[in-house]
Amino acid sequence: MEITNPQILSFFKANLHRDDNGIYILNRYKDQTEKGYVDVNGPVVLVVSIEGNRVQTETGEEFSIINSVVHIWNDRIFFLIPRLGAWAMANRSMFLQIASDLEETDDGFLFYPEKNGAIPPVFIPAVSSITWIEPVLKKKLSVDPGFILYKHGIG
């Protein structure tokens, strides 16, 4: 069943969590709680802003680019949300918004979160497909994100 109601989608996205068994939605109503695991096959939330090294999602979650795995594919930027172990996606217009802070290299891009150089550039690999998303989502994220890149042959 496809859910298209924006209010239900917002509720769903805001109530995603992760434990040792995977990603789940937690639904609370009065004194009742319901926990249901979900299969995630792509980005679960959208990125609404990138300011300096901070990323903010549509659910209000904020995290540092430095603490996330980041990839660029087809003029879209994907961030692995550290707390959730699932992907957030920034659309093409956001990619264009930060394009002046990107320096293209042979293997991807260097992102400069601070123009004054206070924070070193972050390397963002450019990937040729998004088939790498699923294996990372299926793994428990109890290790450093850099290890995940290496283990799955992404980096």
Protein backbone atom coordinates (compact mmCIF):
# COMPACT_ATOMS: atom_id res chain seq x y z
CA MET A 1 0.00 0.00 0.00
CA GLU A 2 1.39 3.40 -0.97
CA ILE A 3 1.02 6.26 1.51
CA THR A 4 0.58 9.64 -0.20
CA ASN A 5 -1.01 11.84 2.48
CA PRO A 6 1.64 14.45 3.42
CA GLN A 7 0.56 14.57 7.08
CA ILE A 8 0.83 10.80 7.48
CA LEU A 9 4.22 10.81 5.73
CA SER A 10 5.47 13.57 8.05
CA PHE A 11 4.30 11.64 11.11
CA PHE A 12 5.95 8.48 9.78
CA LYS A 13 9.27 10.18 9.03
CA ALA A 14 9.41 11.97 12.40
CA ASN A 15 8.86 8.72 14.30
CA LEU A 16 11.53 6.53 12.72
CA HIS A 17 14.09 4.99 15.07
CA ARG A 18 16.78 2.33 14.96
CA ASP A 19 17.76 -0.50 17.27
CA ASP A 20 19.76 -3.72 16.89
CA ASN A 21 16.99 -5.25 14.74
CA GLY A 22 16.76 -2.40 12.22
CA ILE A 23 14.65 0.67 11.50
CA TYR A 24 11.21 0.91 13.06
CA ILE A 25 8.36 3.35 13.47
CA LEU A 26 7.14 4.05 16.97
CA ASN A 27 3.48 5.04 17.24
CA ARG A 28 2.16 6.33 20.56
CA TYR A 29 -1.44 7.17 21.34
CA LYS A 30 -2.37 7.98 24.94
CA ASP A 31 -1.11 5.00 26.98
CA GLN A 32 -0.59 2.64 24.03
CA THR A 33 2.60 2.11 22.05
CA GLU A 34 3.05 0.25 18.78
CA LYS A 35 6.44 -0.59 17.27
CA GLY A 36 6.71 -1.84 13.69
CA TYR A 37 9.87 -2.59 11.72
CA VAL A 38 10.13 -1.32 8.16
CA ASP A 39 12.26 -2.21 5.15
CA VAL A 40 13.98 0.90 3.87
CA ASN A 41 14.95 0.92 0.20
CA GLY A 42 16.11 4.47 -0.32
CA PRO A 43 16.14 7.92 1.25
CA VAL A 44 13.66 8.28 4.11
CA VAL A 45 13.71 12.07 4.51
CA LEU A 46 14.65 15.15 2.52
CA VAL A 47 17.37 17.60 3.41
CA VAL A 48 15.97 21.13 3.75
CA SER A 49 19.18 23.06 4.43
CA ILE A 50 22.94 22.80 4.42
CA GLU A 51 24.65 25.58 6.30
CA GLY A 52 28.36 25.31 6.91
CA ASN A 53 28.94 21.74 8.04
CA ARG A 54 25.37 21.30 9.40
CA VAL A 55 22.63 19.41 7.58
CA GLN A 56 18.97 19.77 8.58
CA THR A 57 16.24 17.38 7.45
CA GLU A 58 12.53 17.99 6.97
CA THR A 59 11.88 16.32 10.34
CA GLY A 60 14.04 18.88 12.13
CA GLU A 61 16.94 16.52 12.74
CA GLU A 62 20.31 18.18 12.43
CA PHE A 63 23.73 16.57 12.10
CA SER A 64 27.24 17.37 10.93
CA ILE A 65 28.44 16.52 7.43
CA ILE A 66 31.69 15.49 9.11
CA ASN A 67 29.83 12.74 11.06
CA SER A 68 27.96 11.38 8.05
CA VAL A 69 28.69 9.34 4.95
CA VAL A 70 27.99 11.59 1.96
CA HIS A 71 27.65 10.71 -1.75
CA ILE A 72 26.74 12.62 -4.88
CA TRP A 73 24.79 10.93 -7.66
CA ASN A 74 23.04 12.56 -10.59
CA ASP A 75 23.19 16.09 -9.07
CA ARG A 76 21.69 14.86 -5.81
CA ILE A 77 23.44 14.61 -2.48
CA PHE A 78 22.82 11.67 -0.14
CA PHE A 79 23.65 11.80 3.58
CA LEU A 80 23.68 8.79 5.86
CA ILE A 81 21.85 10.01 8.97
CA PRO A 82 24.14 8.94 11.85
CA ARG A 83 21.36 8.29 14.39
CA LEU A 84 19.11 6.39 12.04
CA GLY A 85 21.48 4.60 9.68
CA ALA A 86 19.23 5.55 6.75
CA TRP A 87 19.64 8.04 3.93
CA ALA A 88 18.49 11.61 3.57
CA MET A 89 18.48 13.19 0.12
CA ALA A 90 19.14 16.75 -0.97
CA ASN A 91 17.62 17.52 -4.36
CA ARG A 92 19.24 19.07 -7.43
CA SER A 93 18.42 22.64 -6.43
CA MET A 94 20.27 22.18 -3.12
CA PHE A 95 23.21 20.69 -5.03
CA LEU A 96 23.29 23.85 -7.14
CA GLN A 97 22.98 25.98 -3.99
CA ILE A 98 26.23 24.56 -2.56
CA ALA A 99 28.01 24.11 -5.91
CA SER A 100 30.23 27.11 -5.20
CA ASP A 101 31.49 25.27 -2.08
CA LEU A 102 32.44 22.17 -4.12
CA GLU A 103 35.71 21.48 -5.89
CA GLU A 104 35.60 18.62 -8.38
CA THR A 105 38.34 15.98 -8.20
CA ASP A 106 38.97 12.79 -10.20
CA ASP A 107 37.01 10.67 -7.69
CA GLY A 108 34.32 13.07 -6.52
CA PHE A 109 34.17 16.44 -4.83
CA LEU A 110 35.75 18.34 -1.97
CA PHE A 111 33.14 20.23 0.03
CA TYR A 112 34.33 23.31 1.90
CA PRO A 113 31.88 23.83 4.80
CA GLU A 114 33.68 26.98 6.01
CA LYS A 115 34.99 29.52 3.53
CA ASN A 116 37.66 30.67 6.01
CA GLY A 117 39.19 27.19 6.15
CA ALA A 118 38.39 26.66 9.85
CA ILE A 119 36.94 23.24 8.99
CA PRO A 120 38.95 21.10 6.54
CA PRO A 121 37.21 20.10 3.30
CA VAL A 122 35.07 16.97 3.33
CA PHE A 123 35.58 14.46 0.50
CA ILE A 124 32.33 13.41 -1.18
CA PRO A 125 32.62 10.50 -3.59
CA ALA A 126 30.63 10.68 -6.82
CA VAL A 127 28.96 7.32 -7.44
CA SER A 128 27.82 5.96 -10.79
CA SER A 129 24.64 4.32 -9.48
CA ILE A 130 22.54 4.11 -6.33
CA THR A 131 22.79 0.34 -5.98
CA TRP A 132 25.11 0.95 -3.01
CA ILE A 133 22.23 2.21 -0.86
CA GLU A 134 20.62 -1.12 -0.01
CA PRO A 135 23.65 -3.01 1.39
CA VAL A 136 24.50 -0.17 3.77
CA LEU A 137 20.92 0.05 5.02
CA LYS A 138 20.80 -3.67 5.77
CA LYS A 139 23.89 -3.51 8.03
CA LYS A 140 23.95 -2.52 11.67
CA LEU A 141 25.79 0.77 12.06
CA SER A 142 27.82 0.00 15.13
CA VAL A 143 31.03 0.87 13.30
CA ASP A 144 32.55 4.03 11.90
CA PRO A 145 30.82 5.16 8.64
CA GLY A 146 34.23 5.20 6.92
CA PHE A 147 34.51 1.48 7.60
CA ILE A 148 31.15 0.93 5.91
CA LEU A 149 32.42 2.69 2.79
CA TYR A 150 35.50 0.50 2.73
CA LYS A 151 33.66 -2.72 3.52
CA HIS A 152 31.15 -2.27 0.70
CA GLY A 153 33.73 -1.18 -1.84
CA ILE A 154 32.32 2.31 -2.11
CA GLY A 155 35.34 4.33 -1.06
